Amino acid sequence: MPELPAAPRINPSILAADFVNMQRDLERIASADFAHVDVMDNHFVPNLTFGPQMVERIQATSPVPLDVHLMITDPDRWAPGYAELGAASVTFHLEAASDPIALARRLRDIGARAGVAIKPGTPAESLYDMLDEFDQILVMTVEPGFGGQGFMPETMPKLRSLSDEAKRRGSSVWLQVDGGISDRTIEIASAAGADTFVAGSAVYGADDVEAAVTRLRELARAASLES
């Protein structure tokens, strides 16, 4: 496995990219740590985005590893296929999985990092006894389904509790946030314990995409040092 990027990690969401010029927009985030790919099935969430064929093409052209976020029903069946496509990280929703531990182990066996995501209303405590089964926990800071939503600060106590529990257990799990991440909110999330950040509009909406990635990383690093 290649060397993993150090925290803080910036994973631009290609949901905010220009789908007609996807290869160009992937090349614009070459300085990022991962490309965040949101897979939605119009069942688990009310939106439809990429499927396996599109993810396979993105995997073939992306200059950085893929961080695939599955907002789909029945991830127990479908998630391993994304790992088999070569995604570096595959995250499924706790709320959708029948056997999250078995699924995480399957993803790891294939060679992907195993991630689990929780919606804003799902308590952090539901993950405490499973922390060591995952490489990444994604705390949604918006309701999943659409990009461009406003950051929900009320999710920060949950993030802090997961950070505290991970430290207590000596866990090296990454804590990711996704939703409304900007120059302002990344500092809040970093101070609460996040080390991996998904940003869509804040990156692709900037005049200089590479500079936006660098600035977000610097803001997150400074906030983590101050907390």
C-alpha atoms as a PDB file:
ATOM      1  CA  MET A   1       0.000   0.000   0.000  1.00  0.00           C
ATOM      2  CA  PRO A   2       1.374   3.480  -0.869  1.00  0.00           C
ATOM      3  CA  GLU A   3       2.335   5.843   1.918  1.00  0.00           C
ATOM      4  CA  LEU A   4      -0.749   7.532   3.353  1.00  0.00           C
ATOM      5  CA  PRO A   5      -0.993  11.324   3.347  1.00  0.00           C
ATOM      6  CA  ALA A   6      -0.550  13.031   6.681  1.00  0.00           C
ATOM      7  CA  ALA A   7      -3.264  15.051   8.367  1.00  0.00           C
ATOM      8  CA  PRO A   8      -4.856  17.374   7.681  1.00  0.00           C
ATOM      9  CA  ARG A   9      -6.142  15.803   4.483  1.00  0.00           C
ATOM     10  CA  ILE A  10      -8.162  17.726   1.891  1.00  0.00           C
ATOM     11  CA  ASN A  11     -10.454  15.642  -0.314  1.00  0.00           C
ATOM     12  CA  PRO A  12     -12.228  17.801  -2.917  1.00  0.00           C
ATOM     13  CA  SER A  13     -15.679  16.547  -3.807  1.00  0.00           C
ATOM     14  CA  ILE A  14     -16.044  16.066  -7.536  1.00  0.00           C
ATOM     15  CA  LEU A  15     -19.790  16.517  -7.076  1.00  0.00           C
ATOM     16  CA  ALA A  16     -18.898  20.203  -7.479  1.00  0.00           C
ATOM     17  CA  ALA A  17     -16.766  19.605 -10.590  1.00  0.00           C
ATOM     18  CA  ASP A  18     -17.813  20.149 -14.191  1.00  0.00           C
ATOM     19  CA  PHE A  19     -19.056  16.725 -15.281  1.00  0.00           C
ATOM     20  CA  VAL A  20     -18.491  17.564 -18.952  1.00  0.00           C
ATOM     21  CA  ASN A  21     -14.843  18.341 -18.190  1.00  0.00           C
ATOM     22  CA  MET A  22     -14.212  15.765 -15.493  1.00  0.00           C
ATOM     23  CA  GLN A  23     -10.661  14.864 -16.502  1.00  0.00           C
ATOM     24  CA  ARG A  24      -9.670  18.542 -16.515  1.00  0.00           C
ATOM     25  CA  ASP A  25     -11.227  19.088 -13.107  1.00  0.00           C
ATOM     26  CA  LEU A  26      -9.521  16.016 -11.683  1.00  0.00           C
ATOM     27  CA  GLU A  27      -6.176  17.334 -12.892  1.00  0.00           C
ATOM     28  CA  ARG A  28      -6.892  20.628 -11.114  1.00  0.00           C
ATOM     29  CA  ILE A  29      -6.861  18.854  -7.717  1.00  0.00           C
ATOM     30  CA  ALA A  30      -3.514  17.093  -8.142  1.00  0.00           C
ATOM     31  CA  SER A  31      -2.261  18.764  -4.942  1.00  0.00           C
ATOM     32  CA  ALA A  32      -5.138  17.320  -2.882  1.00  0.00           C
ATOM     33  CA  ASP A  33      -4.919  14.106  -0.883  1.00  0.00           C
ATOM     34  CA  PHE A  34      -7.882  12.217  -2.349  1.00  0.00           C
ATOM     35  CA  ALA A  35     -10.719  12.858  -4.797  1.00  0.00           C
ATOM     36  CA  HIS A  36     -14.008  12.413  -2.961  1.00  0.00           C
ATOM     37  CA  VAL A  37     -16.576  10.583  -5.091  1.00  0.00           C
ATOM     38  CA  ASP A  38     -20.208  10.631  -3.944  1.00  0.00           C
ATOM     39  CA  VAL A  39     -22.199   7.642  -5.174  1.00  0.00           C
ATOM     40  CA  MET A  40     -25.951   8.157  -4.695  1.00  0.00           C
ATOM     41  CA  ASP A  41     -28.682   5.753  -5.785  1.00  0.00           C
ATOM     42  CA  ASN A  42     -31.885   7.844  -5.449  1.00  0.00           C
ATOM     43  CA  HIS A  43     -33.066   5.423  -2.752  1.00  0.00           C
ATOM     44  CA  PHE A  44     -30.941   5.937   0.346  1.00  0.00           C
ATOM     45  CA  VAL A  45     -30.809   9.630  -0.559  1.00  0.00           C
ATOM     46  CA  PRO A  46     -33.048  11.569  -2.974  1.00  0.00           C
ATOM     47  CA  ASN A  47     -30.386  12.108  -5.619  1.00  0.00           C
ATOM     48  CA  LEU A  48     -28.657  10.097  -8.342  1.00  0.00           C
ATOM     49  CA  THR A  49     -25.004  10.514  -9.283  1.00  0.00           C
ATOM     50  CA  PHE A  50     -22.266   8.075 -10.306  1.00  0.00           C
ATOM     51  CA  GLY A  51     -22.281   4.340 -10.745  1.00  0.00           C
ATOM     52  CA  PRO A  52     -19.478   1.778 -11.039  1.00  0.00           C
ATOM     53  CA  GLN A  53     -18.696   2.496 -14.694  1.00  0.00           C
ATOM     54  CA  MET A  54     -18.199   6.206 -14.063  1.00  0.00           C
ATOM     55  CA  VAL A  55     -16.142   5.541 -10.942  1.00  0.00           C
ATOM     56  CA  GLU A  56     -13.955   3.161 -12.931  1.00  0.00           C
ATOM     57  CA  ARG A  57     -13.227   5.895 -15.475  1.00  0.00           C
ATOM     58  CA  ILE A  58     -12.538   8.420 -12.717  1.00  0.00           C
ATOM     59  CA  GLN A  59     -10.176   5.923 -11.108  1.00  0.00           C
ATOM     60  CA  ALA A  60      -8.321   5.549 -14.415  1.00  0.00           C
ATOM     61  CA  THR A  61      -7.786   9.289 -14.870  1.00  0.00           C
ATOM     62  CA  SER A  62      -7.508  10.740 -11.352  1.00  0.00           C
ATOM     63  CA  PRO A  63      -4.056  12.007 -10.288  1.00  0.00           C
ATOM     64  CA  VAL A  64      -4.922  11.260  -6.652  1.00  0.00           C
ATOM     65  CA  PRO A  65      -6.497   8.217  -4.951  1.00  0.00           C
ATOM     66  CA  LEU A  66     -10.272   7.919  -4.751  1.00  0.00           C
ATOM     67  CA  ASP A  67     -12.228   8.328  -1.526  1.00  0.00           C
ATOM     68  CA  VAL A  68     -15.607   6.813  -2.459  1.00  0.00           C
ATOM     69  CA  HIS A  69     -18.631   7.687  -0.315  1.00  0.00           C
ATOM     70  CA  LEU A  70     -21.555   5.332  -0.889  1.00  0.00           C
ATOM     71  CA  MET A  71     -24.955   6.849  -0.139  1.00  0.00           C
ATOM     72  CA  ILE A  72     -26.780   3.728  -1.266  1.00  0.00           C
ATOM     73  CA  THR A  73     -29.018   0.978   0.009  1.00  0.00           C
ATOM     74  CA  ASP A  74     -27.588  -2.514   0.435  1.00  0.00           C
ATOM     75  CA  PRO A  75     -23.901  -1.535   0.643  1.00  0.00           C
ATOM     76  CA  ASP A  76     -23.193  -5.058   1.922  1.00  0.00           C
ATOM     77  CA  ARG A  77     -23.792  -6.180  -1.662  1.00  0.00           C
ATOM     78  CA  TRP A  78     -22.394  -3.271  -3.658  1.00  0.00           C
ATOM     79  CA  ALA A  79     -19.516  -1.737  -1.672  1.00  0.00           C
ATOM     80  CA  PRO A  80     -16.938  -4.483  -2.364  1.00  0.00           C
ATOM     81  CA  GLY A  81     -17.251  -3.809  -6.089  1.00  0.00           C
ATOM     82  CA  TYR A  82     -15.960  -0.268  -5.632  1.00  0.00           C
ATOM     83  CA  ALA A  83     -12.967  -1.578  -3.711  1.00  0.00           C
ATOM     84  CA  GLU A  84     -12.329  -4.030  -6.544  1.00  0.00           C
ATOM     85  CA  LEU A  85     -12.285  -1.099  -8.990  1.00  0.00           C
ATOM     86  CA  GLY A  86      -9.233   0.203  -7.116  1.00  0.00           C
ATOM     87  CA  ALA A  87     -10.709   2.874  -4.856  1.00  0.00           C
ATOM     88  CA  ALA A  88      -8.260   3.603  -2.051  1.00  0.00           C
ATOM     89  CA  SER A  89     -11.045   4.183   0.456  1.00  0.00           C
ATOM     90  CA  VAL A  90     -14.674   3.045   0.444  1.00  0.00           C
ATOM     91  CA  THR A  91     -17.131   4.497   2.954  1.00  0.00           C
ATOM     92  CA  PHE A  92     -20.640   3.152   3.460  1.00  0.00           C
ATOM     93  CA  HIS A  93     -23.412   4.368   5.751  1.00  0.00           C
ATOM     94  CA  LEU A  94     -23.942   2.701   9.098  1.00  0.00           C
ATOM     95  CA  GLU A  95     -27.667   3.302   8.686  1.00  0.00           C
ATOM     96  CA  ALA A  96     -27.756   1.249   5.459  1.00  0.00           C
ATOM     97  CA  ALA A  97     -25.487  -1.706   6.283  1.00  0.00           C
ATOM     98  CA  SER A  98     -26.792  -5.021   7.574  1.00  0.00           C
ATOM     99  CA  ASP A  99     -23.438  -6.172   8.952  1.00  0.00           C
ATOM    100  CA  PRO A 100     -21.037  -3.203   9.069  1.00  0.00           C
ATOM    101  CA  ILE A 101     -18.190  -5.127  10.695  1.00  0.00           C
ATOM    102  CA  ALA A 102     -18.243  -7.940   8.156  1.00  0.00           C
ATOM    103  CA  LEU A 103     -18.438  -5.401   5.331  1.00  0.00           C
ATOM    104  CA  ALA A 104     -15.501  -3.387   6.683  1.00  0.00           C
ATOM    105  CA  ARG A 105     -13.420  -6.537   6.926  1.00  0.00           C
ATOM    106  CA  ARG A 106     -14.332  -7.482   3.371  1.00  0.00           C
ATOM    107  CA  LEU A 107     -13.256  -4.066   2.075  1.00  0.00           C
ATOM    108  CA  ARG A 108      -9.957  -4.352   3.909  1.00  0.00           C
ATOM    109  CA  ASP A 109      -9.399  -7.859   2.544  1.00  0.00           C
ATOM    110  CA  ILE A 110      -9.770  -6.490  -0.988  1.00  0.00           C
ATOM    111  CA  GLY A 111      -7.214  -3.778  -0.232  1.00  0.00           C
ATOM    112  CA  ALA A 112      -9.263  -0.636   0.376  1.00  0.00           C
ATOM    113  CA  ARG A 113      -9.452   1.428   3.516  1.00  0.00           C
ATOM    114  CA  ALA A 114     -12.821   0.801   5.160  1.00  0.00           C
ATOM    115  CA  GLY A 115     -14.891   3.817   6.141  1.00  0.00           C
ATOM    116  CA  VAL A 116     -18.252   4.218   7.811  1.00  0.00           C
ATOM    117  CA  ALA A 117     -20.459   7.306   7.633  1.00  0.00           C
ATOM    118  CA  ILE A 118     -23.160   8.511   9.990  1.00  0.00           C
ATOM    119  CA  LYS A 119     -25.932  11.002   9.337  1.00  0.00           C
ATOM    120  CA  PRO A 120     -26.377  14.067  11.574  1.00  0.00           C
ATOM    121  CA  GLY A 121     -29.074  12.300  13.602  1.00  0.00           C
ATOM    122  CA  THR A 122     -27.112   9.095  14.279  1.00  0.00           C
ATOM    123  CA  PRO A 123     -25.446   9.062  17.720  1.00  0.00           C
ATOM    124  CA  ALA A 124     -21.691   8.724  17.993  1.00  0.00           C
ATOM    125  CA  GLU A 125     -22.065   6.044  20.653  1.00  0.00           C
ATOM    126  CA  SER A 126     -23.337   3.609  18.027  1.00  0.00           C
ATOM    127  CA  LEU A 127     -19.749   3.372  16.749  1.00  0.00           C
ATOM    128  CA  TYR A 128     -17.750   3.217  19.962  1.00  0.00           C
ATOM    129  CA  ASP A 129     -17.482  -0.557  20.141  1.00  0.00           C
ATOM    130  CA  MET A 130     -16.599  -0.799  16.440  1.00  0.00           C
ATOM    131  CA  LEU A 131     -13.900   1.868  16.153  1.00  0.00           C
ATOM    132  CA  ASP A 132     -11.082  -0.567  15.479  1.00  0.00           C
ATOM    133  CA  GLU A 133     -12.985  -2.102  12.563  1.00  0.00           C
ATOM    134  CA  PHE A 134     -12.735   1.078  10.505  1.00  0.00           C
ATOM    135  CA  ASP A 135      -9.965   3.153   9.001  1.00  0.00           C
ATOM    136  CA  GLN A 136     -12.173   6.215   8.700  1.00  0.00           C
ATOM    137  CA  ILE A 137     -15.345   7.580  10.254  1.00  0.00           C
ATOM    138  CA  LEU A 138     -17.252  10.166   8.251  1.00  0.00           C
ATOM    139  CA  VAL A 139     -19.395  12.512  10.341  1.00  0.00           C
ATOM    140  CA  MET A 140     -21.870  14.135   7.985  1.00  0.00           C
ATOM    141  CA  THR A 141     -22.152  17.847   8.698  1.00  0.00           C
ATOM    142  CA  VAL A 142     -25.177  18.145   6.403  1.00  0.00           C
ATOM    143  CA  GLU A 143     -28.004  15.766   5.567  1.00  0.00           C
ATOM    144  CA  PRO A 144     -26.599  13.534   2.821  1.00  0.00           C
ATOM    145  CA  GLY A 145     -27.877  13.846  -0.711  1.00  0.00           C
ATOM    146  CA  PHE A 146     -26.963  17.212  -2.189  1.00  0.00           C
ATOM    147  CA  GLY A 147     -23.903  19.448  -2.402  1.00  0.00           C
ATOM    148  CA  GLY A 148     -23.878  23.111  -1.471  1.00  0.00           C
ATOM    149  CA  GLN A 149     -25.731  22.770   1.837  1.00  0.00           C
ATOM    150  CA  GLY A 150     -24.975  24.794   4.952  1.00  0.00           C
ATOM    151  CA  PHE A 151     -22.683  23.400   7.650  1.00  0.00           C
ATOM    152  CA  MET A 152     -24.494  22.065  10.750  1.00  0.00           C
ATOM    153  CA  PRO A 153     -22.518  23.179  13.832  1.00  0.00           C
ATOM    154  CA  GLU A 154     -24.735  21.006  16.032  1.00  0.00           C
ATOM    155  CA  THR A 155     -22.818  17.970  14.720  1.00  0.00           C
ATOM    156  CA  MET A 156     -19.592  19.124  16.372  1.00  0.00           C
ATOM    157  CA  PRO A 157     -20.259  17.631  19.840  1.00  0.00           C
ATOM    158  CA  LYS A 158     -20.633  14.239  18.136  1.00  0.00           C
ATOM    159  CA  LEU A 159     -17.332  14.733  16.354  1.00  0.00           C
ATOM    160  CA  ARG A 160     -15.630  15.724  19.599  1.00  0.00           C
ATOM    161  CA  SER A 161     -16.979  12.667  21.370  1.00  0.00           C
ATOM    162  CA  LEU A 162     -15.677  10.373  18.619  1.00  0.00           C
ATOM    163  CA  SER A 163     -12.299  12.097  18.754  1.00  0.00           C
ATOM    164  CA  ASP A 164     -12.149  11.684  22.528  1.00  0.00           C
ATOM    165  CA  GLU A 165     -13.187   8.029  22.329  1.00  0.00           C
ATOM    166  CA  ALA A 166     -10.617   7.293  19.628  1.00  0.00           C
ATOM    167  CA  LYS A 167      -7.884   8.849  21.759  1.00  0.00           C
ATOM    168  CA  ARG A 168      -9.057   6.929  24.815  1.00  0.00           C
ATOM    169  CA  ARG A 169      -8.853   3.656  22.900  1.00  0.00           C
ATOM    170  CA  GLY A 170      -5.571   4.528  21.190  1.00  0.00           C
ATOM    171  CA  SER A 171      -7.288   4.269  17.815  1.00  0.00           C
ATOM    172  CA  SER A 172      -5.693   5.658  14.653  1.00  0.00           C
ATOM    173  CA  VAL A 173      -9.035   5.980  12.848  1.00  0.00           C
ATOM    174  CA  TRP A 174      -9.343   9.035  10.612  1.00  0.00           C
ATOM    175  CA  LEU A 175     -12.188  11.422  11.379  1.00  0.00           C
ATOM    176  CA  GLN A 176     -13.668  12.938   8.247  1.00  0.00           C
ATOM    177  CA  VAL A 177     -16.288  15.659   7.835  1.00  0.00           C
ATOM    178  CA  ASP A 178     -18.390  16.319   4.754  1.00  0.00           C
ATOM    179  CA  GLY A 179     -20.846  19.128   4.147  1.00  0.00           C
ATOM    180  CA  GLY A 180     -20.532  22.887   4.089  1.00  0.00           C
ATOM    181  CA  ILE A 181     -16.755  22.861   4.589  1.00  0.00           C
ATOM    182  CA  SER A 182     -15.298  26.292   3.814  1.00  0.00           C
ATOM    183  CA  ASP A 183     -12.528  28.620   4.975  1.00  0.00           C
ATOM    184  CA  ARG A 184     -14.628  29.390   8.041  1.00  0.00           C
ATOM    185  CA  THR A 185     -16.079  26.023   8.980  1.00  0.00           C
ATOM    186  CA  ILE A 186     -12.938  23.955   8.439  1.00  0.00           C
ATOM    187  CA  GLU A 187     -11.406  25.633  11.487  1.00  0.00           C
ATOM    188  CA  ILE A 188     -14.439  24.692  13.596  1.00  0.00           C
ATOM    189  CA  ALA A 189     -14.325  21.069  12.453  1.00  0.00           C
ATOM    190  CA  SER A 190     -10.568  20.791  12.885  1.00  0.00           C
ATOM    191  CA  ALA A 191     -10.755  22.141  16.428  1.00  0.00           C
ATOM    192  CA  ALA A 192     -13.439  19.518  17.166  1.00  0.00           C
ATOM    193  CA  GLY A 193     -11.136  16.680  16.090  1.00  0.00           C
ATOM    194  CA  ALA A 194     -11.562  16.201  12.336  1.00  0.00           C
ATOM    195  CA  ASP A 195      -8.396  15.431  10.376  1.00  0.00           C
ATOM    196  CA  THR A 196      -9.859  14.730   6.914  1.00  0.00           C
ATOM    197  CA  PHE A 197     -12.044  17.245   5.102  1.00  0.00           C
ATOM    198  CA  VAL A 198     -14.347  16.971   2.115  1.00  0.00           C
ATOM    199  CA  ALA A 199     -14.825  20.286   0.319  1.00  0.00           C
ATOM    200  CA  GLY A 200     -16.753  20.823  -2.876  1.00  0.00           C
ATOM    201  CA  SER A 201     -17.811  24.394  -3.596  1.00  0.00           C
ATOM    202  CA  ALA A 202     -14.950  25.811  -1.507  1.00  0.00           C
ATOM    203  CA  VAL A 203     -12.487  24.196  -3.907  1.00  0.00           C
ATOM    204  CA  TYR A 204     -14.173  24.100  -7.290  1.00  0.00           C
ATOM    205  CA  GLY A 205     -15.866  27.451  -6.791  1.00  0.00           C
ATOM    206  CA  ALA A 206     -12.517  29.180  -6.281  1.00  0.00           C
ATOM    207  CA  ASP A 207     -10.688  31.048  -9.027  1.00  0.00           C
ATOM    208  CA  ASP A 208      -7.513  29.153  -8.145  1.00  0.00           C
ATOM    209  CA  VAL A 209      -8.377  25.562  -7.225  1.00  0.00           C
ATOM    210  CA  GLU A 210      -4.856  24.589  -6.147  1.00  0.00           C
ATOM    211  CA  ALA A 211      -4.578  27.661  -3.913  1.00  0.00           C
ATOM    212  CA  ALA A 212      -7.947  26.819  -2.355  1.00  0.00           C
ATOM    213  CA  VAL A 213      -6.720  23.322  -1.452  1.00  0.00           C
ATOM    214  CA  THR A 214      -3.562  24.760   0.094  1.00  0.00           C
ATOM    215  CA  ARG A 215      -5.468  27.376   2.073  1.00  0.00           C
ATOM    216  CA  LEU A 216      -7.936  24.848   3.474  1.00  0.00           C
ATOM    217  CA  ARG A 217      -5.072  22.595   4.548  1.00  0.00           C
ATOM    218  CA  GLU A 218      -3.265  25.489   6.257  1.00  0.00           C
ATOM    219  CA  LEU A 219      -6.412  26.627   8.075  1.00  0.00           C
ATOM    220  CA  ALA A 220      -7.124  23.104   9.308  1.00  0.00           C
ATOM    221  CA  ARG A 221      -3.548  22.635  10.484  1.00  0.00           C
ATOM    222  CA  ALA A 222      -3.516  25.933  12.376  1.00  0.00           C
ATOM    223  CA  ALA A 223      -6.838  25.183  14.072  1.00  0.00           C
ATOM    224  CA  SER A 224      -5.692  21.714  15.155  1.00  0.00           C
ATOM    225  CA  LEU A 225      -2.544  23.168  16.720  1.00  0.00           C
ATOM    226  CA  GLU A 226      -4.575  25.730  18.635  1.00  0.00           C
ATOM    227  CA  SER A 227      -7.154  23.276  19.954  1.00  0.00           C
END
